[in-house]
Amino acid sequence: MARTRAQDFEEKQRSILDNAALVFAEQGMEKASMSQVAVQAQVSKALLYHYYPGKDALIFAIITTHLEELDEAIEAADDAALPPEQRLRKLVGTVLESYRGADNQHKVQLNASSALSDEQKAEIMAIERRIVRRFSVVLEQINPDLNDRDRPLLMPVTMSLFGMMNWVYMWFKDGGRISRQDYADVATTLILEGIKAVR
């Protein structure tokens, strides 16, 4: 007979993922152990292994949960009826807001490659590509010349935007003189003004 889920299954699972992300972000993928995660999450090792059979499964769950939540937030915010410039500004703001409180998950995503199998990496890449595609569609609307066959610049421009968003955790501090929305406007403006000159 299949074991039924505890009522607080999702809450416990989320707590484990958040605490594991903290341990991995601070200790690194190689040094961090399942024992350290169990202590940080205040659960037994047996319970931890019940949810995640190994460190790679735990790291994979941290990343996929983070990315799927990001993708869902972007999808919910994406409004094709908006003018492309406003649509892009809204998407950038959504990403930066979704990154609030997710610095540890972000560090795990950026540094976990060696801990994952090829199958896990492929699944993560599929989600990442879906997210990137949402932005490249809008950027192409703003400047169709970016997708020129002889000089394909759509992907470099798209990834430049992600570079501005993805590395914000290295320097941005909530409560400072610049808000997330302020920076979203700056990053969007840099891209919008910049691609006008891209030929």
C-alpha atoms as a PDB file:
ATOM      1  CA  MET A   1       0.000   0.000   0.000  1.00  0.00           C
ATOM      2  CA  ALA A   2       1.383   3.417  -0.966  1.00  0.00           C
ATOM      3  CA  ARG A   3       2.389   5.691   1.860  1.00  0.00           C
ATOM      4  CA  THR A   4       0.168   8.779   2.139  1.00  0.00           C
ATOM      5  CA  ARG A   5       1.712  12.232   2.258  1.00  0.00           C
ATOM      6  CA  ALA A   6       1.783  14.095   5.538  1.00  0.00           C
ATOM      7  CA  GLN A   7      -0.419  17.186   5.591  1.00  0.00           C
ATOM      8  CA  ASP A   8       2.634  19.395   5.997  1.00  0.00           C
ATOM      9  CA  PHE A   9       4.605  17.629   3.241  1.00  0.00           C
ATOM     10  CA  GLU A  10       4.997  20.699   1.026  1.00  0.00           C
ATOM     11  CA  GLU A  11       5.846  22.972   3.945  1.00  0.00           C
ATOM     12  CA  LYS A  12       8.549  20.586   5.184  1.00  0.00           C
ATOM     13  CA  GLN A  13       9.868  20.095   1.688  1.00  0.00           C
ATOM     14  CA  ARG A  14      10.143  23.848   1.155  1.00  0.00           C
ATOM     15  CA  SER A  15      11.901  24.326   4.474  1.00  0.00           C
ATOM     16  CA  ILE A  16      14.412  21.642   3.542  1.00  0.00           C
ATOM     17  CA  LEU A  17      15.077  23.225   0.145  1.00  0.00           C
ATOM     18  CA  ASP A  18      15.521  26.721   1.598  1.00  0.00           C
ATOM     19  CA  ASN A  19      17.853  25.519   4.339  1.00  0.00           C
ATOM     20  CA  ALA A  20      19.790  23.293   1.950  1.00  0.00           C
ATOM     21  CA  ALA A  21      20.264  26.243  -0.420  1.00  0.00           C
ATOM     22  CA  LEU A  22      21.757  28.213   2.475  1.00  0.00           C
ATOM     23  CA  VAL A  23      24.186  25.397   3.330  1.00  0.00           C
ATOM     24  CA  PHE A  24      25.238  24.863  -0.291  1.00  0.00           C
ATOM     25  CA  ALA A  25      25.627  28.595  -0.902  1.00  0.00           C
ATOM     26  CA  GLU A  26      27.837  29.001   2.173  1.00  0.00           C
ATOM     27  CA  GLN A  27      29.827  25.765   2.032  1.00  0.00           C
ATOM     28  CA  GLY A  28      29.932  25.018  -1.688  1.00  0.00           C
ATOM     29  CA  MET A  29      28.538  21.949  -3.433  1.00  0.00           C
ATOM     30  CA  GLU A  30      31.477  19.671  -2.648  1.00  0.00           C
ATOM     31  CA  LYS A  31      32.042  20.552   1.006  1.00  0.00           C
ATOM     32  CA  ALA A  32      28.411  20.673   2.082  1.00  0.00           C
ATOM     33  CA  SER A  33      27.028  17.408   3.416  1.00  0.00           C
ATOM     34  CA  MET A  34      23.584  15.961   3.889  1.00  0.00           C
ATOM     35  CA  SER A  35      24.317  15.926   7.647  1.00  0.00           C
ATOM     36  CA  GLN A  36      24.878  19.701   7.600  1.00  0.00           C
ATOM     37  CA  VAL A  37      21.649  20.188   5.670  1.00  0.00           C
ATOM     38  CA  ALA A  38      19.721  18.042   8.169  1.00  0.00           C
ATOM     39  CA  VAL A  39      21.099  20.074  11.097  1.00  0.00           C
ATOM     40  CA  GLN A  40      20.330  23.404   9.386  1.00  0.00           C
ATOM     41  CA  ALA A  41      16.810  22.268   8.439  1.00  0.00           C
ATOM     42  CA  GLN A  42      16.255  20.763  11.916  1.00  0.00           C
ATOM     43  CA  VAL A  43      15.213  17.400  10.520  1.00  0.00           C
ATOM     44  CA  SER A  44      16.646  13.926  10.917  1.00  0.00           C
ATOM     45  CA  LYS A  45      18.936  12.521   8.247  1.00  0.00           C
ATOM     46  CA  ALA A  46      16.384   9.752   7.743  1.00  0.00           C
ATOM     47  CA  LEU A  47      13.670  12.291   6.946  1.00  0.00           C
ATOM     48  CA  LEU A  48      16.012  14.214   4.649  1.00  0.00           C
ATOM     49  CA  TYR A  49      16.822  11.046   2.712  1.00  0.00           C
ATOM     50  CA  HIS A  50      13.111  10.220   2.604  1.00  0.00           C
ATOM     51  CA  TYR A  51      12.543  13.397   0.604  1.00  0.00           C
ATOM     52  CA  TYR A  52      15.828  13.391  -1.340  1.00  0.00           C
ATOM     53  CA  PRO A  53      17.844  10.184  -1.887  1.00  0.00           C
ATOM     54  CA  GLY A  54      21.134  12.029  -2.367  1.00  0.00           C
ATOM     55  CA  LYS A  55      22.905  15.360  -2.583  1.00  0.00           C
ATOM     56  CA  ASP A  56      22.459  15.585  -6.347  1.00  0.00           C
ATOM     57  CA  ALA A  57      18.682  15.091  -6.021  1.00  0.00           C
ATOM     58  CA  LEU A  58      18.564  17.829  -3.403  1.00  0.00           C
ATOM     59  CA  ILE A  59      20.608  20.275  -5.499  1.00  0.00           C
ATOM     60  CA  PHE A  60      18.495  19.452  -8.550  1.00  0.00           C
ATOM     61  CA  ALA A  61      15.288  20.117  -6.573  1.00  0.00           C
ATOM     62  CA  ILE A  62      16.593  23.486  -5.332  1.00  0.00           C
ATOM     63  CA  ILE A  63      17.375  24.623  -8.875  1.00  0.00           C
ATOM     64  CA  THR A  64      14.263  23.300 -10.611  1.00  0.00           C
ATOM     65  CA  THR A  65      11.958  24.689  -7.923  1.00  0.00           C
ATOM     66  CA  HIS A  66      13.644  28.092  -8.207  1.00  0.00           C
ATOM     67  CA  LEU A  67      13.459  28.117 -12.005  1.00  0.00           C
ATOM     68  CA  GLU A  68       9.904  26.797 -12.257  1.00  0.00           C
ATOM     69  CA  GLU A  69       8.675  29.460  -9.835  1.00  0.00           C
ATOM     70  CA  LEU A  70      10.524  32.094 -11.855  1.00  0.00           C
ATOM     71  CA  ASP A  71       9.040  30.808 -15.100  1.00  0.00           C
ATOM     72  CA  GLU A  72       5.527  30.810 -13.624  1.00  0.00           C
ATOM     73  CA  ALA A  73       5.960  34.389 -12.376  1.00  0.00           C
ATOM     74  CA  ILE A  74       7.203  35.536 -15.795  1.00  0.00           C
ATOM     75  CA  GLU A  75       4.350  33.768 -17.576  1.00  0.00           C
ATOM     76  CA  ALA A  76       1.797  35.389 -15.263  1.00  0.00           C
ATOM     77  CA  ALA A  77       3.322  38.847 -15.797  1.00  0.00           C
ATOM     78  CA  ASP A  78       3.770  38.574 -19.560  1.00  0.00           C
ATOM     79  CA  ASP A  79       1.150  40.678 -21.322  1.00  0.00           C
ATOM     80  CA  ALA A  80       1.350  40.459 -25.112  1.00  0.00           C
ATOM     81  CA  ALA A  81      -1.174  43.317 -25.366  1.00  0.00           C
ATOM     82  CA  LEU A  82       1.335  45.786 -23.958  1.00  0.00           C
ATOM     83  CA  PRO A  83       3.667  47.752 -26.239  1.00  0.00           C
ATOM     84  CA  PRO A  84       6.921  45.728 -26.450  1.00  0.00           C
ATOM     85  CA  GLU A  85       8.951  48.280 -24.465  1.00  0.00           C
ATOM     86  CA  GLN A  86       6.464  48.216 -21.574  1.00  0.00           C
ATOM     87  CA  ARG A  87       6.180  44.458 -21.826  1.00  0.00           C
ATOM     88  CA  LEU A  88       9.963  44.111 -21.485  1.00  0.00           C
ATOM     89  CA  ARG A  89      10.088  46.514 -18.542  1.00  0.00           C
ATOM     90  CA  LYS A  90       7.400  44.481 -16.770  1.00  0.00           C
ATOM     91  CA  LEU A  91       9.234  41.207 -17.387  1.00  0.00           C
ATOM     92  CA  VAL A  92      12.546  42.577 -16.091  1.00  0.00           C
ATOM     93  CA  GLY A  93      10.793  43.904 -12.980  1.00  0.00           C
ATOM     94  CA  THR A  94       9.185  40.505 -12.436  1.00  0.00           C
ATOM     95  CA  VAL A  95      12.514  38.686 -12.619  1.00  0.00           C
ATOM     96  CA  LEU A  96      14.203  41.037 -10.162  1.00  0.00           C
ATOM     97  CA  GLU A  97      11.254  40.809  -7.781  1.00  0.00           C
ATOM     98  CA  SER A  98      11.330  37.005  -8.047  1.00  0.00           C
ATOM     99  CA  TYR A  99      15.008  37.100  -7.085  1.00  0.00           C
ATOM    100  CA  ARG A 100      14.123  38.785  -3.774  1.00  0.00           C
ATOM    101  CA  GLY A 101      15.163  36.416  -0.992  1.00  0.00           C
ATOM    102  CA  ALA A 102      16.494  33.861  -3.490  1.00  0.00           C
ATOM    103  CA  ASP A 103      20.220  34.680  -3.454  1.00  0.00           C
ATOM    104  CA  ASN A 104      21.128  31.250  -2.059  1.00  0.00           C
ATOM    105  CA  GLN A 105      19.094  29.425  -4.699  1.00  0.00           C
ATOM    106  CA  HIS A 106      20.709  31.591  -7.340  1.00  0.00           C
ATOM    107  CA  LYS A 107      24.219  30.741  -6.119  1.00  0.00           C
ATOM    108  CA  VAL A 108      23.362  27.041  -6.179  1.00  0.00           C
ATOM    109  CA  GLN A 109      22.063  27.342  -9.736  1.00  0.00           C
ATOM    110  CA  LEU A 110      25.232  29.108 -10.906  1.00  0.00           C
ATOM    111  CA  ASN A 111      27.675  26.732  -9.193  1.00  0.00           C
ATOM    112  CA  ALA A 112      26.049  23.298  -9.193  1.00  0.00           C
ATOM    113  CA  SER A 113      26.944  22.026 -12.652  1.00  0.00           C
ATOM    114  CA  SER A 114      29.557  19.486 -11.521  1.00  0.00           C
ATOM    115  CA  ALA A 115      27.158  17.945  -8.990  1.00  0.00           C
ATOM    116  CA  LEU A 116      24.462  17.070 -11.538  1.00  0.00           C
ATOM    117  CA  SER A 117      23.974  14.330 -14.112  1.00  0.00           C
ATOM    118  CA  ASP A 118      23.654  15.068 -17.809  1.00  0.00           C
ATOM    119  CA  GLU A 119      19.933  14.297 -17.605  1.00  0.00           C
ATOM    120  CA  GLN A 120      19.459  16.736 -14.735  1.00  0.00           C
ATOM    121  CA  LYS A 121      21.443  19.421 -16.564  1.00  0.00           C
ATOM    122  CA  ALA A 122      19.312  18.908 -19.683  1.00  0.00           C
ATOM    123  CA  GLU A 123      16.092  19.328 -17.705  1.00  0.00           C
ATOM    124  CA  ILE A 124      17.382  22.524 -16.086  1.00  0.00           C
ATOM    125  CA  MET A 125      18.526  23.857 -19.447  1.00  0.00           C
ATOM    126  CA  ALA A 126      15.061  23.259 -20.912  1.00  0.00           C
ATOM    127  CA  ILE A 127      13.497  25.482 -18.236  1.00  0.00           C
ATOM    128  CA  GLU A 128      16.208  28.121 -18.689  1.00  0.00           C
ATOM    129  CA  ARG A 129      15.658  28.166 -22.450  1.00  0.00           C
ATOM    130  CA  ARG A 130      11.924  28.623 -21.947  1.00  0.00           C
ATOM    131  CA  ILE A 131      12.589  31.624 -19.713  1.00  0.00           C
ATOM    132  CA  VAL A 132      15.144  33.137 -22.107  1.00  0.00           C
ATOM    133  CA  ARG A 133      12.773  32.637 -25.035  1.00  0.00           C
ATOM    134  CA  ARG A 134      10.104  34.795 -23.375  1.00  0.00           C
ATOM    135  CA  PHE A 135      12.566  37.696 -23.422  1.00  0.00           C
ATOM    136  CA  SER A 136      14.040  37.123 -26.864  1.00  0.00           C
ATOM    137  CA  VAL A 137      10.540  37.199 -28.388  1.00  0.00           C
ATOM    138  CA  VAL A 138       9.962  40.685 -26.968  1.00  0.00           C
ATOM    139  CA  LEU A 139      13.440  41.945 -27.899  1.00  0.00           C
ATOM    140  CA  GLU A 140      12.899  40.788 -31.463  1.00  0.00           C
ATOM    141  CA  GLN A 141       9.630  42.742 -31.578  1.00  0.00           C
ATOM    142  CA  ILE A 142      11.508  45.849 -30.458  1.00  0.00           C
ATOM    143  CA  ASN A 143      14.319  45.396 -32.985  1.00  0.00           C
ATOM    144  CA  PRO A 144      13.690  42.715 -35.658  1.00  0.00           C
ATOM    145  CA  ASP A 145      17.160  43.391 -37.106  1.00  0.00           C
ATOM    146  CA  LEU A 146      18.654  41.597 -34.108  1.00  0.00           C
ATOM    147  CA  ASN A 147      17.580  38.313 -35.703  1.00  0.00           C
ATOM    148  CA  ASP A 148      19.417  38.921 -38.960  1.00  0.00           C
ATOM    149  CA  ARG A 149      20.682  35.659 -40.428  1.00  0.00           C
ATOM    150  CA  ASP A 150      24.084  37.082 -41.388  1.00  0.00           C
ATOM    151  CA  ARG A 151      24.628  38.807 -38.052  1.00  0.00           C
ATOM    152  CA  PRO A 152      22.451  37.069 -35.435  1.00  0.00           C
ATOM    153  CA  LEU A 153      22.555  39.316 -32.383  1.00  0.00           C
ATOM    154  CA  LEU A 154      19.248  38.420 -30.727  1.00  0.00           C
ATOM    155  CA  MET A 155      20.729  35.821 -28.402  1.00  0.00           C
ATOM    156  CA  PRO A 156      23.796  37.913 -27.411  1.00  0.00           C
ATOM    157  CA  VAL A 157      21.540  40.871 -26.574  1.00  0.00           C
ATOM    158  CA  THR A 158      19.112  38.642 -24.660  1.00  0.00           C
ATOM    159  CA  MET A 159      21.911  37.056 -22.654  1.00  0.00           C
ATOM    160  CA  SER A 160      23.429  40.487 -21.963  1.00  0.00           C
ATOM    161  CA  LEU A 161      20.135  41.431 -20.331  1.00  0.00           C
ATOM    162  CA  PHE A 162      20.209  38.234 -18.273  1.00  0.00           C
ATOM    163  CA  GLY A 163      23.768  39.063 -17.268  1.00  0.00           C
ATOM    164  CA  MET A 164      22.532  42.328 -15.757  1.00  0.00           C
ATOM    165  CA  MET A 165      19.704  40.544 -13.947  1.00  0.00           C
ATOM    166  CA  ASN A 166      21.460  37.373 -12.837  1.00  0.00           C
ATOM    167  CA  TRP A 167      24.484  39.014 -11.246  1.00  0.00           C
ATOM    168  CA  VAL A 168      22.513  41.651  -9.343  1.00  0.00           C
ATOM    169  CA  TYR A 169      22.729  39.509  -6.194  1.00  0.00           C
ATOM    170  CA  MET A 170      26.482  40.209  -6.054  1.00  0.00           C
ATOM    171  CA  TRP A 171      25.996  43.881  -5.225  1.00  0.00           C
ATOM    172  CA  PHE A 172      22.331  44.751  -4.675  1.00  0.00           C
ATOM    173  CA  LYS A 173      21.098  45.312  -1.106  1.00  0.00           C
ATOM    174  CA  ASP A 174      17.400  45.551  -0.273  1.00  0.00           C
ATOM    175  CA  GLY A 175      16.642  48.709   1.669  1.00  0.00           C
ATOM    176  CA  GLY A 176      19.356  50.694  -0.105  1.00  0.00           C
ATOM    177  CA  ARG A 177      18.912  53.910  -2.045  1.00  0.00           C
ATOM    178  CA  ILE A 178      18.114  52.004  -5.247  1.00  0.00           C
ATOM    179  CA  SER A 179      15.066  49.717  -5.225  1.00  0.00           C
ATOM    180  CA  ARG A 180      14.615  46.590  -7.287  1.00  0.00           C
ATOM    181  CA  GLN A 181      12.167  48.470  -9.476  1.00  0.00           C
ATOM    182  CA  ASP A 182      14.671  51.303  -9.905  1.00  0.00           C
ATOM    183  CA  TYR A 183      17.259  48.845 -11.124  1.00  0.00           C
ATOM    184  CA  ALA A 184      14.704  47.084 -13.326  1.00  0.00           C
ATOM    185  CA  ASP A 185      14.098  50.440 -15.022  1.00  0.00           C
ATOM    186  CA  VAL A 186      17.848  51.065 -15.403  1.00  0.00           C
ATOM    187  CA  ALA A 187      18.530  47.622 -16.889  1.00  0.00           C
ATOM    188  CA  THR A 188      15.570  47.879 -19.249  1.00  0.00           C
ATOM    189  CA  THR A 189      16.543  51.363 -20.379  1.00  0.00           C
ATOM    190  CA  LEU A 190      20.137  50.278 -21.042  1.00  0.00           C
ATOM    191  CA  ILE A 191      18.868  47.499 -23.282  1.00  0.00           C
ATOM    192  CA  LEU A 192      16.181  49.563 -25.007  1.00  0.00           C
ATOM    193  CA  GLU A 193      18.518  52.464 -25.733  1.00  0.00           C
ATOM    194  CA  GLY A 194      21.413  50.186 -26.572  1.00  0.00           C
ATOM    195  CA  ILE A 195      19.676  48.042 -29.163  1.00  0.00           C
ATOM    196  CA  LYS A 196      18.664  51.139 -31.085  1.00  0.00           C
ATOM    197  CA  ALA A 197      22.329  51.508 -31.982  1.00  0.00           C
ATOM    198  CA  VAL A 198      22.966  47.801 -32.651  1.00  0.00           C
ATOM    199  CA  ARG A 199      23.402  47.189 -36.365  1.00  0.00           C
END
